[in-house]
Amino acid sequence: MTDQVKHKQIVLATRNQGKVREFHNLFAPLGWSAVSVAAFPDVPEVVEDGDTFAANAIKKATTIAQHLGLPAVGDDSGLEVDALAGAPGVYSARFAGEHASDEENWRKLLDELQGVPLSRRTARFRCVLAYVEPGRPPIVASGVCEGVIAHEPAGEHGFGYDPVFFLPQRMCTMAQLAPEEKNRISHRAAAMRSLVEKLKEAGR
């Protein structure tokens, strides 16, 4: 299989359909086809037990690439809130419990920040992407999107903490942005742009 063909199909080491949709839109201009790992039912589940976003992203991508013999992208992303010393961080998806819903997670976040003024509710979404081809070292890229945690949720788009992540420069939450706009400014978009540049530099 040539590099050109391999680059046409990249397996995303996620079953989160929100992320799959975002990656599909981000990869489309490159002519790459992004396929969820859910399309490969025999792939082993990856336990995200790393203490950093990068460790989890590399572990996911490496496991998928080795198992399928295809290039894979693993991502780990989450919310870092300054008033909570960077929490929930790598525990963002399970902040309110192992199988917590998005709403349960952001409601717990709002509870934790009760009484904290807006000026101290600064936060950022951080995304780390790891691109792995079988037998080759990973290429890692990251991106951030700065904002503050709102006092109340707003918006119908997006997923995760988007309803409570307020963007001062746009005077709205991430969940109030059209998907196309979110894809331009999100932490995942920033990480993707960085990854594409690193892939070009590496001749991939």
C-alpha atoms as a PDB file:
ATOM      1  CA  MET A   1       0.000   0.000   0.000  1.00  0.00           C
ATOM      2  CA  THR A   2       1.515   3.325  -1.042  1.00  0.00           C
ATOM      3  CA  ASP A   3       1.800   6.312   1.247  1.00  0.00           C
ATOM      4  CA  GLN A   4      -0.658   8.112  -0.979  1.00  0.00           C
ATOM      5  CA  VAL A   5      -3.282   5.406  -0.504  1.00  0.00           C
ATOM      6  CA  LYS A   6      -2.556   5.109   3.211  1.00  0.00           C
ATOM      7  CA  HIS A   7      -3.078   8.806   3.595  1.00  0.00           C
ATOM      8  CA  LYS A   8      -6.481   8.505   1.962  1.00  0.00           C
ATOM      9  CA  GLN A   9      -7.831   6.516   4.895  1.00  0.00           C
ATOM     10  CA  ILE A  10      -6.875   7.310   8.450  1.00  0.00           C
ATOM     11  CA  VAL A  11      -8.429   5.517  11.370  1.00  0.00           C
ATOM     12  CA  LEU A  12      -9.578   7.747  14.196  1.00  0.00           C
ATOM     13  CA  ALA A  13      -9.004   6.159  17.567  1.00  0.00           C
ATOM     14  CA  THR A  14     -12.358   7.343  18.893  1.00  0.00           C
ATOM     15  CA  ARG A  15     -15.962   6.216  18.996  1.00  0.00           C
ATOM     16  CA  ASN A  16     -17.206   9.664  19.996  1.00  0.00           C
ATOM     17  CA  GLN A  17     -19.433  10.673  17.083  1.00  0.00           C
ATOM     18  CA  GLY A  18     -19.067  14.352  17.877  1.00  0.00           C
ATOM     19  CA  LYS A  19     -15.312  14.065  17.434  1.00  0.00           C
ATOM     20  CA  VAL A  20     -15.722  11.925  14.317  1.00  0.00           C
ATOM     21  CA  ARG A  21     -17.840  14.621  12.664  1.00  0.00           C
ATOM     22  CA  GLU A  22     -15.314  17.317  13.545  1.00  0.00           C
ATOM     23  CA  PHE A  23     -12.371  15.279  12.285  1.00  0.00           C
ATOM     24  CA  HIS A  24     -14.207  14.422   9.076  1.00  0.00           C
ATOM     25  CA  ASN A  25     -14.706  18.130   8.368  1.00  0.00           C
ATOM     26  CA  LEU A  26     -11.113  18.957   9.278  1.00  0.00           C
ATOM     27  CA  PHE A  27      -9.597  16.192   7.145  1.00  0.00           C
ATOM     28  CA  ALA A  28     -11.859  16.711   4.095  1.00  0.00           C
ATOM     29  CA  PRO A  29      -9.802  19.567   2.553  1.00  0.00           C
ATOM     30  CA  LEU A  30      -6.759  17.269   2.563  1.00  0.00           C
ATOM     31  CA  GLY A  31      -8.577  14.601   0.595  1.00  0.00           C
ATOM     32  CA  TRP A  32      -8.198  12.194   3.511  1.00  0.00           C
ATOM     33  CA  SER A  33     -10.980   9.872   4.550  1.00  0.00           C
ATOM     34  CA  ALA A  34     -11.410   9.713   8.310  1.00  0.00           C
ATOM     35  CA  VAL A  35     -12.842   6.423   9.563  1.00  0.00           C
ATOM     36  CA  SER A  36     -13.898   5.776  13.145  1.00  0.00           C
ATOM     37  CA  VAL A  37     -12.349   2.825  14.943  1.00  0.00           C
ATOM     38  CA  ALA A  38     -15.958   1.749  15.512  1.00  0.00           C
ATOM     39  CA  ALA A  39     -15.857   0.419  11.934  1.00  0.00           C
ATOM     40  CA  PHE A  40     -13.354  -2.206  13.118  1.00  0.00           C
ATOM     41  CA  PRO A  41     -15.126  -4.182  15.864  1.00  0.00           C
ATOM     42  CA  ASP A  42     -12.175  -6.474  16.614  1.00  0.00           C
ATOM     43  CA  VAL A  43      -9.877  -3.618  17.660  1.00  0.00           C
ATOM     44  CA  PRO A  44      -9.048  -3.829  21.373  1.00  0.00           C
ATOM     45  CA  GLU A  45     -10.358  -1.165  23.716  1.00  0.00           C
ATOM     46  CA  VAL A  46      -7.658   1.263  24.807  1.00  0.00           C
ATOM     47  CA  VAL A  47      -7.558   2.208  28.465  1.00  0.00           C
ATOM     48  CA  GLU A  48      -6.767   5.916  28.786  1.00  0.00           C
ATOM     49  CA  ASP A  49      -4.594   5.675  31.872  1.00  0.00           C
ATOM     50  CA  GLY A  50      -1.945   8.246  30.949  1.00  0.00           C
ATOM     51  CA  ASP A  51      -1.406  11.271  33.133  1.00  0.00           C
ATOM     52  CA  THR A  52      -1.082  13.606  30.160  1.00  0.00           C
ATOM     53  CA  PHE A  53      -3.096  14.227  27.004  1.00  0.00           C
ATOM     54  CA  ALA A  54      -0.056  13.278  24.903  1.00  0.00           C
ATOM     55  CA  ALA A  55       0.417   9.926  26.635  1.00  0.00           C
ATOM     56  CA  ASN A  56      -3.201   8.972  26.016  1.00  0.00           C
ATOM     57  CA  ALA A  57      -3.188  10.154  22.402  1.00  0.00           C
ATOM     58  CA  ILE A  58      -0.017   8.217  21.556  1.00  0.00           C
ATOM     59  CA  LYS A  59      -1.255   5.073  23.269  1.00  0.00           C
ATOM     60  CA  LYS A  60      -4.538   5.134  21.364  1.00  0.00           C
ATOM     61  CA  ALA A  61      -2.976   5.802  17.970  1.00  0.00           C
ATOM     62  CA  THR A  62      -0.211   3.230  18.442  1.00  0.00           C
ATOM     63  CA  THR A  63      -2.610   0.487  19.511  1.00  0.00           C
ATOM     64  CA  ILE A  64      -4.918   1.069  16.533  1.00  0.00           C
ATOM     65  CA  ALA A  65      -2.100   1.405  13.968  1.00  0.00           C
ATOM     66  CA  GLN A  66      -0.369  -1.770  15.136  1.00  0.00           C
ATOM     67  CA  HIS A  67      -3.583  -3.770  15.193  1.00  0.00           C
ATOM     68  CA  LEU A  68      -4.915  -2.669  11.795  1.00  0.00           C
ATOM     69  CA  GLY A  69      -1.693  -1.937   9.933  1.00  0.00           C
ATOM     70  CA  LEU A  70      -3.118   1.441   8.956  1.00  0.00           C
ATOM     71  CA  PRO A  71      -2.214   5.013   9.876  1.00  0.00           C
ATOM     72  CA  ALA A  72      -4.147   6.153  12.922  1.00  0.00           C
ATOM     73  CA  VAL A  73      -4.773   9.387  14.724  1.00  0.00           C
ATOM     74  CA  GLY A  74      -5.317   9.333  18.447  1.00  0.00           C
ATOM     75  CA  ASP A  75      -6.501  12.392  20.238  1.00  0.00           C
ATOM     76  CA  ASP A  76      -6.943  13.320  23.812  1.00  0.00           C
ATOM     77  CA  SER A  77      -8.504  16.577  24.731  1.00  0.00           C
ATOM     78  CA  GLY A  78     -10.131  18.241  27.634  1.00  0.00           C
ATOM     79  CA  LEU A  79     -10.831  21.329  29.613  1.00  0.00           C
ATOM     80  CA  GLU A  80      -8.336  23.055  31.886  1.00  0.00           C
ATOM     81  CA  VAL A  81      -9.823  25.499  34.388  1.00  0.00           C
ATOM     82  CA  ASP A  82      -7.365  27.802  36.119  1.00  0.00           C
ATOM     83  CA  ALA A  83      -9.449  28.220  39.277  1.00  0.00           C
ATOM     84  CA  LEU A  84      -9.424  24.423  39.654  1.00  0.00           C
ATOM     85  CA  ALA A  85      -5.648  24.114  39.189  1.00  0.00           C
ATOM     86  CA  GLY A  86      -6.084  22.790  35.655  1.00  0.00           C
ATOM     87  CA  ALA A  87      -8.860  20.317  36.421  1.00  0.00           C
ATOM     88  CA  PRO A  88     -10.683  18.455  35.012  1.00  0.00           C
ATOM     89  CA  GLY A  89      -7.820  17.983  32.501  1.00  0.00           C
ATOM     90  CA  VAL A  90      -7.338  14.379  31.416  1.00  0.00           C
ATOM     91  CA  TYR A  91     -10.418  13.466  33.466  1.00  0.00           C
ATOM     92  CA  SER A  92     -12.717  15.798  31.509  1.00  0.00           C
ATOM     93  CA  ALA A  93     -14.837  13.023  29.997  1.00  0.00           C
ATOM     94  CA  ARG A  94     -15.406  11.392  33.382  1.00  0.00           C
ATOM     95  CA  PHE A  95     -15.343  14.418  35.669  1.00  0.00           C
ATOM     96  CA  ALA A  96     -18.720  13.502  37.202  1.00  0.00           C
ATOM     97  CA  GLY A  97     -18.103   9.748  37.096  1.00  0.00           C
ATOM     98  CA  GLU A  98     -16.916   6.973  34.805  1.00  0.00           C
ATOM     99  CA  HIS A  99     -20.035   6.968  32.619  1.00  0.00           C
ATOM    100  CA  ALA A 100     -21.160  10.558  33.163  1.00  0.00           C
ATOM    101  CA  SER A 101     -23.088  12.384  30.457  1.00  0.00           C
ATOM    102  CA  ASP A 102     -21.892  15.668  28.982  1.00  0.00           C
ATOM    103  CA  GLU A 103     -24.505  17.528  30.993  1.00  0.00           C
ATOM    104  CA  GLU A 104     -23.550  15.797  34.235  1.00  0.00           C
ATOM    105  CA  ASN A 105     -19.930  16.811  33.657  1.00  0.00           C
ATOM    106  CA  TRP A 106     -20.577  20.479  32.967  1.00  0.00           C
ATOM    107  CA  ARG A 107     -23.118  20.716  35.780  1.00  0.00           C
ATOM    108  CA  LYS A 108     -20.496  19.412  38.209  1.00  0.00           C
ATOM    109  CA  LEU A 109     -18.083  21.991  36.815  1.00  0.00           C
ATOM    110  CA  LEU A 110     -20.567  24.804  37.447  1.00  0.00           C
ATOM    111  CA  ASP A 111     -21.114  23.499  40.981  1.00  0.00           C
ATOM    112  CA  GLU A 112     -17.365  23.489  41.624  1.00  0.00           C
ATOM    113  CA  LEU A 113     -17.138  27.104  40.438  1.00  0.00           C
ATOM    114  CA  GLN A 114     -20.066  28.473  42.426  1.00  0.00           C
ATOM    115  CA  GLY A 115     -19.161  31.882  43.801  1.00  0.00           C
ATOM    116  CA  VAL A 116     -16.077  32.254  41.588  1.00  0.00           C
ATOM    117  CA  PRO A 117     -16.240  35.565  39.673  1.00  0.00           C
ATOM    118  CA  LEU A 118     -15.996  35.630  35.901  1.00  0.00           C
ATOM    119  CA  SER A 119     -12.540  37.198  36.061  1.00  0.00           C
ATOM    120  CA  ARG A 120     -11.215  34.051  37.745  1.00  0.00           C
ATOM    121  CA  ARG A 121     -13.065  31.536  35.547  1.00  0.00           C
ATOM    122  CA  THR A 122     -10.435  31.535  32.790  1.00  0.00           C
ATOM    123  CA  ALA A 123     -10.051  28.195  31.034  1.00  0.00           C
ATOM    124  CA  ARG A 124      -8.938  26.555  27.846  1.00  0.00           C
ATOM    125  CA  PHE A 125      -9.740  23.567  25.738  1.00  0.00           C
ATOM    126  CA  ARG A 126      -6.564  21.647  24.944  1.00  0.00           C
ATOM    127  CA  CYS A 127      -6.206  18.973  22.273  1.00  0.00           C
ATOM    128  CA  VAL A 128      -3.218  16.740  21.593  1.00  0.00           C
ATOM    129  CA  LEU A 129      -3.127  14.669  18.395  1.00  0.00           C
ATOM    130  CA  ALA A 130      -0.803  11.768  17.727  1.00  0.00           C
ATOM    131  CA  TYR A 131      -0.373  10.431  14.192  1.00  0.00           C
ATOM    132  CA  VAL A 132       1.103   6.939  14.033  1.00  0.00           C
ATOM    133  CA  GLU A 133       2.031   4.813  11.049  1.00  0.00           C
ATOM    134  CA  PRO A 134       2.882   1.180  11.819  1.00  0.00           C
ATOM    135  CA  GLY A 135       6.556   0.847  12.688  1.00  0.00           C
ATOM    136  CA  ARG A 136       7.279   4.566  12.707  1.00  0.00           C
ATOM    137  CA  PRO A 137       7.563   7.024  15.608  1.00  0.00           C
ATOM    138  CA  PRO A 138       4.524   9.159  16.397  1.00  0.00           C
ATOM    139  CA  ILE A 139       4.098  12.717  15.246  1.00  0.00           C
ATOM    140  CA  VAL A 140       2.478  14.781  17.990  1.00  0.00           C
ATOM    141  CA  ALA A 141       0.775  18.171  17.747  1.00  0.00           C
ATOM    142  CA  SER A 142      -1.337  20.243  20.093  1.00  0.00           C
ATOM    143  CA  GLY A 143      -3.703  23.184  20.066  1.00  0.00           C
ATOM    144  CA  VAL A 144      -5.595  25.324  22.551  1.00  0.00           C
ATOM    145  CA  CYS A 145      -8.668  27.533  22.563  1.00  0.00           C
ATOM    146  CA  GLU A 146      -8.880  30.113  25.350  1.00  0.00           C
ATOM    147  CA  GLY A 147     -12.090  31.192  27.059  1.00  0.00           C
ATOM    148  CA  VAL A 148     -13.905  31.444  30.370  1.00  0.00           C
ATOM    149  CA  ILE A 149     -16.485  29.265  32.079  1.00  0.00           C
ATOM    150  CA  ALA A 150     -19.939  30.832  31.879  1.00  0.00           C
ATOM    151  CA  HIS A 151     -22.311  30.907  34.851  1.00  0.00           C
ATOM    152  CA  GLU A 152     -25.099  29.267  32.826  1.00  0.00           C
ATOM    153  CA  PRO A 153     -25.172  26.983  29.754  1.00  0.00           C
ATOM    154  CA  ALA A 154     -26.187  28.350  26.358  1.00  0.00           C
ATOM    155  CA  GLY A 155     -26.332  26.977  22.830  1.00  0.00           C
ATOM    156  CA  GLU A 156     -27.406  23.817  21.069  1.00  0.00           C
ATOM    157  CA  HIS A 157     -24.350  22.907  19.000  1.00  0.00           C
ATOM    158  CA  GLY A 158     -21.216  20.977  19.843  1.00  0.00           C
ATOM    159  CA  PHE A 159     -20.776  18.527  22.699  1.00  0.00           C
ATOM    160  CA  GLY A 160     -18.915  18.099  25.958  1.00  0.00           C
ATOM    161  CA  TYR A 161     -18.351  21.372  27.814  1.00  0.00           C
ATOM    162  CA  ASP A 162     -19.240  23.553  24.807  1.00  0.00           C
ATOM    163  CA  PRO A 163     -22.451  24.967  26.401  1.00  0.00           C
ATOM    164  CA  VAL A 164     -20.522  26.517  29.312  1.00  0.00           C
ATOM    165  CA  PHE A 165     -17.310  27.507  27.486  1.00  0.00           C
ATOM    166  CA  PHE A 166     -17.670  31.222  26.770  1.00  0.00           C
ATOM    167  CA  LEU A 167     -15.600  32.952  24.087  1.00  0.00           C
ATOM    168  CA  PRO A 168     -15.174  36.617  25.081  1.00  0.00           C
ATOM    169  CA  GLN A 169     -13.988  37.653  21.618  1.00  0.00           C
ATOM    170  CA  ARG A 170     -17.226  36.346  20.108  1.00  0.00           C
ATOM    171  CA  MET A 171     -19.535  37.031  23.061  1.00  0.00           C
ATOM    172  CA  CYS A 172     -21.048  33.551  22.913  1.00  0.00           C
ATOM    173  CA  THR A 173     -20.414  30.023  24.086  1.00  0.00           C
ATOM    174  CA  MET A 174     -18.775  27.393  21.922  1.00  0.00           C
ATOM    175  CA  ALA A 175     -22.171  25.687  21.668  1.00  0.00           C
ATOM    176  CA  GLN A 176     -23.661  28.826  20.105  1.00  0.00           C
ATOM    177  CA  LEU A 177     -21.230  28.768  17.202  1.00  0.00           C
ATOM    178  CA  ALA A 178     -22.166  27.210  13.891  1.00  0.00           C
ATOM    179  CA  PRO A 179     -20.197  23.970  13.402  1.00  0.00           C
ATOM    180  CA  GLU A 180     -18.226  25.520  10.544  1.00  0.00           C
ATOM    181  CA  GLU A 181     -17.100  28.403  12.752  1.00  0.00           C
ATOM    182  CA  LYS A 182     -16.199  26.082  15.623  1.00  0.00           C
ATOM    183  CA  ASN A 183     -14.092  24.004  13.243  1.00  0.00           C
ATOM    184  CA  ARG A 184     -12.086  27.126  12.373  1.00  0.00           C
ATOM    185  CA  ILE A 185     -11.276  28.207  15.929  1.00  0.00           C
ATOM    186  CA  SER A 186     -11.416  25.074  18.083  1.00  0.00           C
ATOM    187  CA  HIS A 187      -8.502  23.522  19.930  1.00  0.00           C
ATOM    188  CA  ARG A 188      -8.913  20.496  17.686  1.00  0.00           C
ATOM    189  CA  ALA A 189      -8.683  22.658  14.566  1.00  0.00           C
ATOM    190  CA  ALA A 190      -5.529  24.311  15.914  1.00  0.00           C
ATOM    191  CA  ALA A 191      -4.012  20.913  16.694  1.00  0.00           C
ATOM    192  CA  MET A 192      -4.992  19.640  13.262  1.00  0.00           C
ATOM    193  CA  ARG A 193      -3.335  22.571  11.497  1.00  0.00           C
ATOM    194  CA  SER A 194      -0.199  21.981  13.539  1.00  0.00           C
ATOM    195  CA  LEU A 195      -0.288  18.257  12.755  1.00  0.00           C
ATOM    196  CA  VAL A 196      -0.653  18.859   9.020  1.00  0.00           C
ATOM    197  CA  GLU A 197       2.400  21.152   9.074  1.00  0.00           C
ATOM    198  CA  LYS A 198       4.422  18.569  10.990  1.00  0.00           C
ATOM    199  CA  LEU A 199       3.379  15.814   8.565  1.00  0.00           C
ATOM    200  CA  LYS A 200       4.511  17.965   5.654  1.00  0.00           C
ATOM    201  CA  GLU A 201       7.826  18.704   7.342  1.00  0.00           C
ATOM    202  CA  ALA A 202       8.340  14.985   7.982  1.00  0.00           C
ATOM    203  CA  GLY A 203       7.533  14.133   4.352  1.00  0.00           C
ATOM    204  CA  ARG A 204       4.568  11.998   5.270  1.00  0.00           C
END
